[in-house]
N, C-alpha and C. Protein backbone atom coordinates (compact mmCIF):
# COMPACT_ATOMS: atom_id res chain seq x y z
N MET A 1 26.60 23.91 -13.35
CA MET A 1 26.07 23.48 -12.05
C MET A 1 24.57 23.31 -12.18
N ARG A 2 24.13 22.17 -12.64
CA ARG A 2 22.71 21.96 -12.84
C ARG A 2 22.08 21.53 -11.53
N ILE A 3 21.25 22.39 -10.98
CA ILE A 3 20.65 22.10 -9.69
C ILE A 3 19.36 21.32 -9.85
N LEU A 4 18.61 21.60 -10.88
CA LEU A 4 17.31 20.96 -10.99
C LEU A 4 17.15 20.18 -12.28
N SER A 5 16.54 19.04 -12.15
CA SER A 5 15.93 18.40 -13.29
C SER A 5 14.47 18.27 -12.87
N LEU A 6 13.88 19.41 -12.66
CA LEU A 6 12.54 19.43 -12.11
C LEU A 6 11.55 19.06 -13.20
N ALA A 7 11.03 17.91 -13.09
CA ALA A 7 9.99 17.55 -14.00
C ALA A 7 8.89 16.97 -13.17
N ALA A 8 9.62 18.04 -12.68
CA ALA A 8 8.84 18.15 -11.88
C ALA A 8 8.85 17.53 -12.51
N GLY A 9 9.62 17.38 -11.28
CA GLY A 9 9.78 17.18 -10.93
C GLY A 9 9.33 17.20 -11.44
N LEU A 10 8.78 15.87 -10.53
CA LEU A 10 8.79 16.18 -10.44
C LEU A 10 8.22 15.36 -11.19
N THR A 11 3.83 8.16 -13.31
CA THR A 11 4.14 8.20 -12.30
C THR A 11 3.56 7.34 -12.76
N LEU A 12 3.29 2.99 -12.78
CA LEU A 12 2.67 2.09 -13.62
C LEU A 12 1.21 2.47 -13.69
N ALA A 13 0.85 3.52 -13.19
CA ALA A 13 -0.56 3.88 -13.11
C ALA A 13 -0.99 4.49 -14.42
N LEU A 14 -1.05 3.65 -15.46
CA LEU A 14 -1.39 4.19 -16.77
C LEU A 14 -2.84 4.65 -16.83
N SER A 15 -3.65 4.16 -15.90
CA SER A 15 -5.05 4.58 -15.89
C SER A 15 -5.40 5.25 -14.57
N SER A 16 -4.39 5.71 -13.85
CA SER A 16 -4.63 6.31 -12.54
C SER A 16 -5.40 7.62 -12.66
N ALA A 17 -6.45 7.75 -11.88
CA ALA A 17 -7.24 8.97 -11.89
C ALA A 17 -6.74 9.92 -10.81
N LEU A 18 -7.06 11.18 -10.98
CA LEU A 18 -6.67 12.21 -10.04
C LEU A 18 -7.37 12.00 -8.71
N ASN A 19 -6.61 12.12 -7.64
CA ASN A 19 -7.16 12.08 -6.30
C ASN A 19 -7.62 13.49 -5.95
N ALA A 20 -8.93 13.69 -5.89
CA ALA A 20 -9.46 15.04 -5.67
C ALA A 20 -8.99 15.64 -4.35
N ALA A 21 -8.67 14.78 -3.38
CA ALA A 21 -8.20 15.28 -2.09
C ALA A 21 -6.86 15.98 -2.20
N SER A 22 -6.14 15.72 -3.30
CA SER A 22 -4.83 16.34 -3.50
C SER A 22 -4.93 17.77 -4.02
N ILE A 23 -6.13 18.22 -4.35
CA ILE A 23 -6.30 19.60 -4.81
C ILE A 23 -6.46 20.48 -3.59
N PRO A 24 -5.52 21.38 -3.33
CA PRO A 24 -5.58 22.21 -2.11
C PRO A 24 -6.85 23.05 -2.07
N SER A 25 -7.44 23.14 -0.91
CA SER A 25 -8.69 23.88 -0.76
C SER A 25 -8.48 25.37 -1.04
N GLY A 26 -7.28 25.88 -0.79
CA GLY A 26 -7.01 27.29 -1.02
C GLY A 26 -6.69 27.62 -2.46
N GLY A 27 -6.52 26.60 -3.30
CA GLY A 27 -6.27 26.84 -4.72
C GLY A 27 -4.82 27.07 -5.08
N HIS A 28 -3.91 26.99 -4.11
CA HIS A 28 -2.50 27.17 -4.44
C HIS A 28 -1.60 26.55 -3.37
N LEU A 29 -0.38 26.25 -3.78
CA LEU A 29 0.70 25.80 -2.88
C LEU A 29 1.94 26.60 -3.26
N ASP A 30 2.61 27.17 -2.25
CA ASP A 30 3.77 28.01 -2.51
C ASP A 30 4.94 27.56 -1.64
N PHE A 31 6.13 27.57 -2.23
CA PHE A 31 7.32 27.09 -1.53
C PHE A 31 8.49 28.05 -1.73
N ASP A 32 9.31 28.19 -0.68
CA ASP A 32 10.63 28.77 -0.82
C ASP A 32 11.59 27.66 -1.21
N VAL A 33 12.52 27.95 -2.12
CA VAL A 33 13.54 26.98 -2.51
C VAL A 33 14.82 27.34 -1.75
N ILE A 34 15.32 26.39 -0.97
CA ILE A 34 16.44 26.64 -0.07
C ILE A 34 17.64 25.77 -0.45
N ARG A 35 18.82 26.40 -0.51
CA ARG A 35 20.06 25.68 -0.77
C ARG A 35 21.15 26.28 0.13
N LYS A 36 21.84 25.43 0.86
CA LYS A 36 22.90 25.87 1.78
C LYS A 36 22.41 26.97 2.71
N GLY A 37 21.18 26.81 3.18
CA GLY A 37 20.60 27.74 4.13
C GLY A 37 20.12 29.05 3.54
N LYS A 38 20.21 29.21 2.23
CA LYS A 38 19.81 30.46 1.59
C LYS A 38 18.60 30.25 0.68
N ASP A 39 17.73 31.24 0.68
CA ASP A 39 16.56 31.23 -0.20
C ASP A 39 17.02 31.60 -1.61
N ILE A 40 16.89 30.66 -2.55
CA ILE A 40 17.36 30.90 -3.91
C ILE A 40 16.22 31.05 -4.92
N GLY A 41 14.99 31.00 -4.43
CA GLY A 41 13.89 31.17 -5.38
C GLY A 41 12.56 30.67 -4.86
N ASP A 42 11.63 30.50 -5.78
CA ASP A 42 10.27 30.12 -5.44
C ASP A 42 9.77 29.01 -6.36
N HIS A 43 8.87 28.21 -5.81
CA HIS A 43 8.20 27.15 -6.57
C HIS A 43 6.74 27.20 -6.16
N SER A 44 5.83 27.24 -7.14
CA SER A 44 4.43 27.39 -6.79
C SER A 44 3.51 26.61 -7.73
N TYR A 45 2.33 26.30 -7.20
CA TYR A 45 1.26 25.65 -7.95
C TYR A 45 -0.01 26.46 -7.75
N SER A 46 -0.76 26.67 -8.82
CA SER A 46 -2.09 27.26 -8.69
C SER A 46 -3.09 26.35 -9.40
N PHE A 47 -4.28 26.22 -8.80
CA PHE A 47 -5.28 25.27 -9.26
C PHE A 47 -6.57 26.00 -9.58
N GLN A 48 -7.11 25.73 -10.76
CA GLN A 48 -8.38 26.34 -11.17
C GLN A 48 -9.29 25.25 -11.70
N GLY A 49 -10.56 25.29 -11.27
CA GLY A 49 -11.52 24.30 -11.71
C GLY A 49 -11.76 23.26 -10.65
N SER A 50 -12.14 22.07 -11.09
CA SER A 50 -12.46 20.97 -10.18
C SER A 50 -11.89 19.69 -10.76
N GLU A 51 -12.15 18.58 -10.08
CA GLU A 51 -11.64 17.29 -10.54
C GLU A 51 -12.08 17.00 -11.98
N GLY A 52 -13.28 17.40 -12.35
CA GLY A 52 -13.79 17.12 -13.69
C GLY A 52 -13.07 17.88 -14.78
N ALA A 53 -12.68 19.11 -14.48
CA ALA A 53 -11.99 19.96 -15.45
C ALA A 53 -11.05 20.87 -14.67
N LEU A 54 -9.81 20.48 -14.58
CA LEU A 54 -8.84 21.15 -13.71
C LEU A 54 -7.66 21.66 -14.52
N THR A 55 -7.19 22.87 -14.19
CA THR A 55 -5.97 23.42 -14.76
C THR A 55 -4.99 23.68 -13.62
N VAL A 56 -3.77 23.18 -13.77
CA VAL A 56 -2.72 23.38 -12.76
C VAL A 56 -1.57 24.13 -13.41
N ASN A 57 -1.26 25.29 -12.86
CA ASN A 57 -0.12 26.08 -13.32
C ASN A 57 1.03 25.88 -12.35
N VAL A 58 2.19 25.50 -12.89
CA VAL A 58 3.38 25.27 -12.07
C VAL A 58 4.46 26.26 -12.49
N THR A 59 5.03 26.95 -11.50
CA THR A 59 6.05 27.95 -11.79
C THR A 59 7.25 27.74 -10.86
N THR A 60 8.44 27.74 -11.45
CA THR A 60 9.68 27.69 -10.67
C THR A 60 10.60 28.79 -11.16
N ASP A 61 11.18 29.53 -10.23
CA ASP A 61 12.11 30.60 -10.57
C ASP A 61 13.26 30.56 -9.57
N ILE A 62 14.43 30.13 -10.03
CA ILE A 62 15.58 29.93 -9.15
C ILE A 62 16.79 30.67 -9.71
N VAL A 63 17.51 31.35 -8.83
CA VAL A 63 18.77 32.00 -9.19
C VAL A 63 19.78 31.75 -8.08
N VAL A 64 20.91 31.17 -8.42
CA VAL A 64 22.00 30.95 -7.46
C VAL A 64 23.09 31.97 -7.75
N LYS A 65 23.44 32.73 -6.73
CA LYS A 65 24.46 33.76 -6.87
C LYS A 65 25.80 33.28 -6.31
N ILE A 66 26.89 33.75 -6.90
CA ILE A 66 28.22 33.50 -6.36
C ILE A 66 28.44 34.47 -5.19
N PRO A 67 28.79 33.96 -4.01
CA PRO A 67 28.98 34.84 -2.86
C PRO A 67 30.00 35.95 -3.16
N LEU A 68 29.82 37.05 -2.50
CA LEU A 68 30.68 38.23 -2.57
C LEU A 68 30.48 39.02 -3.86
N ILE A 69 30.70 38.40 -5.02
CA ILE A 69 30.58 39.17 -6.26
C ILE A 69 29.14 39.19 -6.78
N ARG A 70 28.27 38.33 -6.22
CA ARG A 70 26.85 38.30 -6.53
C ARG A 70 26.54 38.03 -7.99
N ALA A 71 27.48 37.48 -8.72
CA ALA A 71 27.21 37.08 -10.10
C ALA A 71 26.35 35.81 -10.09
N THR A 72 25.58 35.63 -11.15
CA THR A 72 24.72 34.45 -11.24
C THR A 72 25.53 33.22 -11.62
N ALA A 73 25.47 32.20 -10.76
CA ALA A 73 26.16 30.94 -11.03
C ALA A 73 25.25 29.95 -11.74
N TYR A 74 23.95 30.07 -11.50
CA TYR A 74 23.00 29.14 -12.10
C TYR A 74 21.61 29.75 -12.02
N SER A 75 20.82 29.53 -13.06
CA SER A 75 19.42 29.98 -13.03
C SER A 75 18.54 28.93 -13.68
N PHE A 76 17.31 28.88 -13.22
CA PHE A 76 16.35 27.90 -13.74
C PHE A 76 14.96 28.52 -13.66
N GLN A 77 14.29 28.62 -14.79
CA GLN A 77 12.92 29.10 -14.83
C GLN A 77 12.06 28.07 -15.57
N HIS A 78 10.93 27.78 -14.98
CA HIS A 78 10.04 26.77 -15.58
C HIS A 78 8.60 27.19 -15.35
N LYS A 79 7.80 27.12 -16.43
CA LYS A 79 6.36 27.33 -16.32
C LYS A 79 5.66 26.23 -17.09
N SER A 80 4.69 25.61 -16.45
CA SER A 80 3.93 24.57 -17.14
C SER A 80 2.46 24.70 -16.82
N VAL A 81 1.65 24.21 -17.75
CA VAL A 81 0.20 24.20 -17.58
C VAL A 81 -0.28 22.78 -17.81
N GLU A 82 -0.85 22.19 -16.75
CA GLU A 82 -1.42 20.85 -16.85
C GLU A 82 -2.93 20.97 -17.02
N SER A 83 -3.48 20.29 -18.00
CA SER A 83 -4.94 20.25 -18.18
C SER A 83 -5.43 18.86 -17.82
N TRP A 84 -6.38 18.80 -16.90
CA TRP A 84 -6.95 17.54 -16.42
C TRP A 84 -8.42 17.49 -16.81
N SER A 85 -8.86 16.32 -17.26
CA SER A 85 -10.27 16.13 -17.62
C SER A 85 -10.75 14.80 -17.07
N GLY A 86 -11.84 14.82 -16.33
CA GLY A 86 -12.35 13.59 -15.75
C GLY A 86 -11.37 12.93 -14.81
N GLY A 87 -10.54 13.72 -14.17
CA GLY A 87 -9.58 13.18 -13.21
C GLY A 87 -8.31 12.62 -13.83
N LYS A 88 -8.12 12.82 -15.14
CA LYS A 88 -6.91 12.31 -15.80
C LYS A 88 -6.22 13.42 -16.58
N LEU A 89 -4.91 13.35 -16.65
CA LEU A 89 -4.14 14.36 -17.36
C LEU A 89 -4.41 14.25 -18.86
N SER A 90 -4.87 15.34 -19.46
CA SER A 90 -5.13 15.32 -20.90
C SER A 90 -3.99 15.95 -21.69
N SER A 91 -3.30 16.95 -21.09
CA SER A 91 -2.18 17.56 -21.80
C SER A 91 -1.31 18.34 -20.82
N VAL A 92 -0.08 18.59 -21.25
CA VAL A 92 0.82 19.45 -20.49
C VAL A 92 1.63 20.29 -21.48
N ARG A 93 1.72 21.57 -21.20
CA ARG A 93 2.54 22.49 -21.99
C ARG A 93 3.52 23.16 -21.05
N SER A 94 4.75 23.33 -21.51
CA SER A 94 5.72 23.97 -20.63
C SER A 94 6.78 24.71 -21.42
N ALA A 95 7.39 25.67 -20.74
CA ALA A 95 8.55 26.40 -21.26
C ALA A 95 9.57 26.47 -20.13
N THR A 96 10.80 26.09 -20.43
CA THR A 96 11.85 26.00 -19.41
C THR A 96 13.12 26.65 -19.92
N ASN A 97 13.78 27.36 -19.04
CA ASN A 97 15.12 27.88 -19.32
C ASN A 97 16.03 27.32 -18.24
N ASP A 98 16.79 26.29 -18.60
CA ASP A 98 17.68 25.62 -17.66
C ASP A 98 19.09 26.18 -17.84
N ASP A 99 19.38 27.27 -17.14
CA ASP A 99 20.68 27.92 -17.17
C ASP A 99 21.11 28.27 -18.59
N GLY A 100 20.16 28.79 -19.35
CA GLY A 100 20.44 29.22 -20.72
C GLY A 100 20.05 28.23 -21.79
N THR A 101 19.71 27.01 -21.40
CA THR A 101 19.26 26.00 -22.35
C THR A 101 17.73 25.96 -22.36
N PRO A 102 17.11 26.33 -23.49
CA PRO A 102 15.65 26.39 -23.53
C PRO A 102 15.03 25.03 -23.85
N HIS A 103 13.84 24.82 -23.32
CA HIS A 103 13.04 23.62 -23.60
C HIS A 103 11.60 24.06 -23.79
N GLN A 104 10.95 23.50 -24.79
CA GLN A 104 9.54 23.73 -25.02
C GLN A 104 8.84 22.38 -25.11
N LEU A 105 7.67 22.27 -24.50
CA LEU A 105 6.95 21.01 -24.51
C LEU A 105 5.46 21.26 -24.72
N SER A 106 4.87 20.47 -25.59
CA SER A 106 3.42 20.39 -25.74
C SER A 106 3.11 18.92 -25.96
N SER A 107 2.53 18.28 -24.94
CA SER A 107 2.39 16.83 -24.98
C SER A 107 1.02 16.41 -24.49
N PRO A 108 0.47 15.33 -25.08
CA PRO A 108 -0.74 14.74 -24.49
C PRO A 108 -0.38 14.08 -23.17
N GLY A 109 -1.38 13.74 -22.40
CA GLY A 109 -1.13 13.15 -21.09
C GLY A 109 -0.51 11.77 -21.11
N LYS A 110 -0.63 11.07 -22.23
CA LYS A 110 -0.06 9.72 -22.40
C LYS A 110 -0.56 8.74 -21.34
N GLY A 111 -1.72 9.03 -20.73
CA GLY A 111 -2.30 8.11 -19.76
C GLY A 111 -1.52 8.00 -18.48
N MET A 112 -0.67 8.99 -18.17
CA MET A 112 0.13 8.90 -16.96
C MET A 112 0.01 10.13 -16.10
N LEU A 113 0.77 10.09 -15.01
CA LEU A 113 0.80 11.23 -14.09
C LEU A 113 2.06 12.06 -14.35
N PRO A 114 1.95 13.38 -14.25
CA PRO A 114 3.12 14.23 -14.47
C PRO A 114 4.04 14.21 -13.26
N ALA A 115 5.30 14.50 -13.49
CA ALA A 115 6.29 14.52 -12.42
C ALA A 115 6.38 15.89 -11.77
N SER A 116 5.26 16.56 -11.65
CA SER A 116 5.25 17.88 -11.03
C SER A 116 5.13 17.81 -9.51
N LEU A 117 4.95 16.60 -8.98
CA LEU A 117 5.08 16.28 -7.55
C LEU A 117 3.88 16.63 -6.68
N TRP A 118 3.01 17.55 -7.08
CA TRP A 118 1.93 17.98 -6.20
C TRP A 118 0.92 16.88 -5.94
N ASN A 119 0.75 15.96 -6.89
CA ASN A 119 -0.28 14.92 -6.80
C ASN A 119 0.29 13.70 -6.08
N ASP A 120 -0.20 13.40 -4.88
CA ASP A 120 0.38 12.30 -4.11
C ASP A 120 0.08 10.92 -4.69
N ASP A 121 -0.73 10.85 -5.76
CA ASP A 121 -0.94 9.57 -6.43
C ASP A 121 0.34 9.05 -7.08
N ILE A 122 1.35 9.90 -7.26
CA ILE A 122 2.58 9.43 -7.88
C ILE A 122 3.29 8.38 -7.04
N VAL A 123 2.98 8.32 -5.74
CA VAL A 123 3.65 7.32 -4.89
C VAL A 123 3.11 5.92 -5.15
N LYS A 124 2.04 5.81 -5.93
CA LYS A 124 1.47 4.51 -6.26
C LYS A 124 1.89 4.05 -7.65
N ALA A 125 2.71 4.85 -8.32
CA ALA A 125 3.01 4.59 -9.73
C ALA A 125 4.49 4.34 -9.95
N GLY A 126 4.78 3.72 -11.07
CA GLY A 126 6.17 3.42 -11.40
C GLY A 126 6.70 4.21 -12.59
N LYS A 127 5.84 5.03 -13.19
CA LYS A 127 6.26 5.83 -14.33
C LYS A 127 5.70 7.24 -14.21
N LEU A 128 6.52 8.22 -14.60
CA LEU A 128 6.13 9.63 -14.54
C LEU A 128 6.40 10.29 -15.88
N LEU A 129 5.56 11.25 -16.23
CA LEU A 129 5.76 12.04 -17.43
C LEU A 129 6.61 13.26 -17.09
N ASN A 130 7.78 13.36 -17.69
CA ASN A 130 8.67 14.49 -17.48
C ASN A 130 8.03 15.73 -18.08
N THR A 131 7.81 16.76 -17.25
CA THR A 131 7.11 17.95 -17.73
C THR A 131 8.03 18.98 -18.37
N ILE A 132 9.30 18.62 -18.54
CA ILE A 132 10.23 19.49 -19.27
C ILE A 132 10.39 19.01 -20.71
N ASP A 133 10.64 17.70 -20.89
CA ASP A 133 10.92 17.20 -22.24
C ASP A 133 9.95 16.13 -22.73
N GLY A 134 8.97 15.73 -21.90
CA GLY A 134 7.97 14.76 -22.32
C GLY A 134 8.41 13.32 -22.26
N SER A 135 9.61 13.05 -21.78
CA SER A 135 10.09 11.67 -21.68
C SER A 135 9.38 10.94 -20.54
N ILE A 136 9.46 9.62 -20.57
CA ILE A 136 8.87 8.79 -19.52
C ILE A 136 9.97 8.40 -18.54
N MET A 137 9.74 8.67 -17.28
CA MET A 137 10.73 8.36 -16.24
C MET A 137 10.25 7.19 -15.40
N ASN A 138 11.12 6.20 -15.25
CA ASN A 138 10.83 5.05 -14.40
C ASN A 138 11.30 5.37 -12.98
N VAL A 139 10.40 5.17 -12.01
CA VAL A 139 10.73 5.47 -10.62
C VAL A 139 10.34 4.32 -9.72
N ARG A 140 11.05 4.22 -8.61
CA ARG A 140 10.71 3.32 -7.52
C ARG A 140 10.33 4.19 -6.33
N VAL A 141 9.39 3.71 -5.53
CA VAL A 141 8.92 4.49 -4.39
C VAL A 141 9.13 3.70 -3.11
N SER A 142 9.77 4.33 -2.13
CA SER A 142 9.96 3.72 -0.81
C SER A 142 9.14 4.50 0.21
N ASP A 143 8.39 3.78 1.04
CA ASP A 143 7.60 4.40 2.10
C ASP A 143 8.50 4.60 3.31
N MET A 144 8.75 5.85 3.67
CA MET A 144 9.66 6.17 4.77
C MET A 144 8.93 6.43 6.09
N GLY A 145 7.61 6.29 6.09
CA GLY A 145 6.85 6.46 7.32
C GLY A 145 6.39 7.88 7.57
N THR A 146 5.84 8.10 8.75
CA THR A 146 5.29 9.40 9.11
C THR A 146 6.32 10.23 9.88
N GLU A 147 6.24 11.53 9.71
CA GLU A 147 7.11 12.44 10.46
C GLU A 147 6.60 13.86 10.31
N ASN A 148 7.04 14.71 11.20
CA ASN A 148 6.70 16.13 11.11
C ASN A 148 7.74 16.86 10.28
N VAL A 149 7.29 17.83 9.49
CA VAL A 149 8.20 18.69 8.76
C VAL A 149 7.90 20.14 9.12
N THR A 150 8.90 20.98 8.96
CA THR A 150 8.74 22.39 9.28
C THR A 150 8.32 23.16 8.04
N THR A 151 7.26 23.92 8.18
CA THR A 151 6.82 24.84 7.12
C THR A 151 6.93 26.26 7.67
N ARG A 152 6.70 27.25 6.82
CA ARG A 152 6.75 28.63 7.28
C ARG A 152 5.65 28.93 8.29
N ARG A 153 4.64 28.07 8.34
CA ARG A 153 3.53 28.28 9.29
C ARG A 153 3.61 27.35 10.49
N GLY A 154 4.75 26.64 10.61
CA GLY A 154 4.93 25.74 11.74
C GLY A 154 5.01 24.28 11.31
N PRO A 155 5.12 23.36 12.28
CA PRO A 155 5.26 21.94 11.95
C PRO A 155 3.97 21.35 11.40
N VAL A 156 4.14 20.40 10.47
CA VAL A 156 3.00 19.72 9.84
C VAL A 156 3.26 18.22 9.88
N ALA A 157 2.25 17.44 10.27
CA ALA A 157 2.35 15.98 10.25
C ALA A 157 2.24 15.50 8.81
N THR A 158 3.18 14.66 8.39
CA THR A 158 3.24 14.23 6.98
C THR A 158 3.57 12.76 6.86
N HIS A 159 3.45 12.28 5.63
CA HIS A 159 3.94 10.95 5.26
C HIS A 159 5.08 11.16 4.28
N HIS A 160 6.19 10.50 4.53
CA HIS A 160 7.43 10.68 3.77
C HIS A 160 7.60 9.53 2.79
N TYR A 161 7.87 9.87 1.53
CA TYR A 161 8.15 8.89 0.49
C TYR A 161 9.46 9.26 -0.20
N ARG A 162 10.16 8.26 -0.69
CA ARG A 162 11.41 8.49 -1.42
C ARG A 162 11.29 7.93 -2.83
N LEU A 163 11.46 8.79 -3.83
CA LEU A 163 11.49 8.38 -5.23
C LEU A 163 12.93 8.17 -5.65
N SER A 164 13.17 7.09 -6.39
CA SER A 164 14.50 6.83 -6.93
C SER A 164 14.36 6.26 -8.33
N GLY A 165 15.44 6.28 -9.07
CA GLY A 165 15.42 5.83 -10.47
C GLY A 165 15.74 7.00 -11.38
N ASP A 166 14.86 7.27 -12.34
CA ASP A 166 15.08 8.39 -13.25
C ASP A 166 14.79 9.74 -12.59
N LEU A 167 14.13 9.74 -11.45
CA LEU A 167 13.89 10.95 -10.68
C LEU A 167 14.11 10.63 -9.21
N ASN A 168 15.01 11.38 -8.59
CA ASN A 168 15.34 11.14 -7.18
C ASN A 168 14.85 12.32 -6.35
N ARG A 169 13.85 12.07 -5.54
CA ARG A 169 13.26 13.10 -4.69
C ARG A 169 12.76 12.48 -3.39
N ASP A 170 12.91 13.19 -2.29
CA ASP A 170 12.21 12.87 -1.06
C ASP A 170 11.01 13.79 -0.99
N LEU A 171 9.83 13.21 -0.77
CA LEU A 171 8.58 13.95 -0.80
C LEU A 171 7.80 13.71 0.49
N TRP A 172 7.22 14.78 1.00
CA TRP A 172 6.38 14.69 2.19
C TRP A 172 5.01 15.26 1.86
N TYR A 173 3.94 14.49 2.15
CA TYR A 173 2.57 14.92 1.90
C TYR A 173 1.81 15.00 3.22
N ASP A 174 0.99 16.04 3.36
CA ASP A 174 0.23 16.18 4.59
C ASP A 174 -1.00 15.27 4.58
N ALA A 175 -1.81 15.37 5.63
CA ALA A 175 -2.95 14.47 5.78
C ALA A 175 -3.99 14.65 4.69
N GLN A 176 -3.99 15.82 4.04
CA GLN A 176 -4.93 16.07 2.94
C GLN A 176 -4.36 15.63 1.59
N GLY A 177 -3.16 15.08 1.59
CA GLY A 177 -2.53 14.65 0.35
C GLY A 177 -1.83 15.77 -0.39
N ASN A 178 -1.66 16.92 0.26
CA ASN A 178 -1.00 18.06 -0.37
C ASN A 178 0.51 18.02 -0.12
N LEU A 179 1.27 18.39 -1.11
CA LEU A 179 2.72 18.42 -0.98
C LEU A 179 3.12 19.40 0.12
N ALA A 180 3.94 18.93 1.08
CA ALA A 180 4.34 19.77 2.20
C ALA A 180 5.82 20.10 2.20
N HIS A 181 6.63 19.26 1.57
CA HIS A 181 8.09 19.45 1.64
C HIS A 181 8.73 18.59 0.56
N VAL A 182 9.86 19.07 0.01
CA VAL A 182 10.63 18.33 -1.00
C VAL A 182 12.11 18.47 -0.66
N SER A 183 12.87 17.42 -0.88
CA SER A 183 14.32 17.50 -0.71
C SER A 183 14.99 16.62 -1.75
N PHE A 184 16.11 17.12 -2.30
CA PHE A 184 16.89 16.31 -3.24
C PHE A 184 18.31 16.82 -3.29
N THR A 185 19.19 15.97 -3.83
CA THR A 185 20.59 16.34 -3.99
C THR A 185 20.81 16.86 -5.40
N ALA A 186 21.35 18.08 -5.49
CA ALA A 186 21.63 18.69 -6.79
C ALA A 186 22.87 18.05 -7.40
N ASP A 187 23.08 18.37 -8.68
CA ASP A 187 24.21 17.78 -9.40
C ASP A 187 25.55 18.17 -8.80
N ASP A 188 25.61 19.30 -8.08
CA ASP A 188 26.87 19.72 -7.47
C ASP A 188 27.04 19.15 -6.06
N GLY A 189 26.11 18.28 -5.63
CA GLY A 189 26.21 17.65 -4.33
C GLY A 189 25.51 18.38 -3.20
N SER A 190 25.02 19.59 -3.46
CA SER A 190 24.32 20.33 -2.44
C SER A 190 22.89 19.82 -2.28
N THR A 191 22.30 20.08 -1.12
CA THR A 191 20.92 19.67 -0.87
C THR A 191 19.99 20.85 -1.13
N VAL A 192 18.95 20.60 -1.89
CA VAL A 192 17.93 21.60 -2.19
C VAL A 192 16.63 21.16 -1.54
N THR A 193 15.97 22.07 -0.84
CA THR A 193 14.69 21.75 -0.22
C THR A 193 13.65 22.77 -0.64
N TYR A 194 12.40 22.31 -0.70
CA TYR A 194 11.25 23.19 -0.91
C TYR A 194 10.53 23.28 0.43
N VAL A 195 10.45 24.48 0.99
CA VAL A 195 9.81 24.70 2.26
C VAL A 195 8.47 25.41 2.02
N ARG A 196 7.39 24.77 2.42
CA ARG A 196 6.07 25.33 2.13
C ARG A 196 5.82 26.60 2.94
N LYS A 197 5.28 27.61 2.26
CA LYS A 197 4.99 28.90 2.91
C LYS A 197 3.70 28.83 3.69
């Protein structure tokens, strides 16, 4: 039951520079991961530095339990470190355990944006760097308009975009360009959402 192909989540802009407005002023973004109304884990970003020299740490920790017997049906752990220089991705390193299948990545930026989703510049691009295996993902972006989404701190006005192709995600970004909400269909047909704390 593979729930995530997060490459990160997860972007044709081969020379696209980092949008500094997408760096949260608080230095982090944290999300609860929700499936079938239950909290199954956490997804977070931490930011250190500035647009000129930025490090982004991405962490996902998900465990799906079988009801009643509480045995683990699926687990996913992912940690990645993105290094940005001069507003462009210079490298990404990651370690992933996808339900017992390990992945290790150490890759140059390849002149693209990572599929870690936090950077709203991905909605202007047609290719994303998979942060699990380093492959290039072709995506199409549909503008779904503005709408409010619910966060743990209340409703937030956002812009909704839909990614399709090699990565299928619905993404909502707030007025500052920060990721506010994520939704996608898992391989088992269930809906997984990231609810910002």
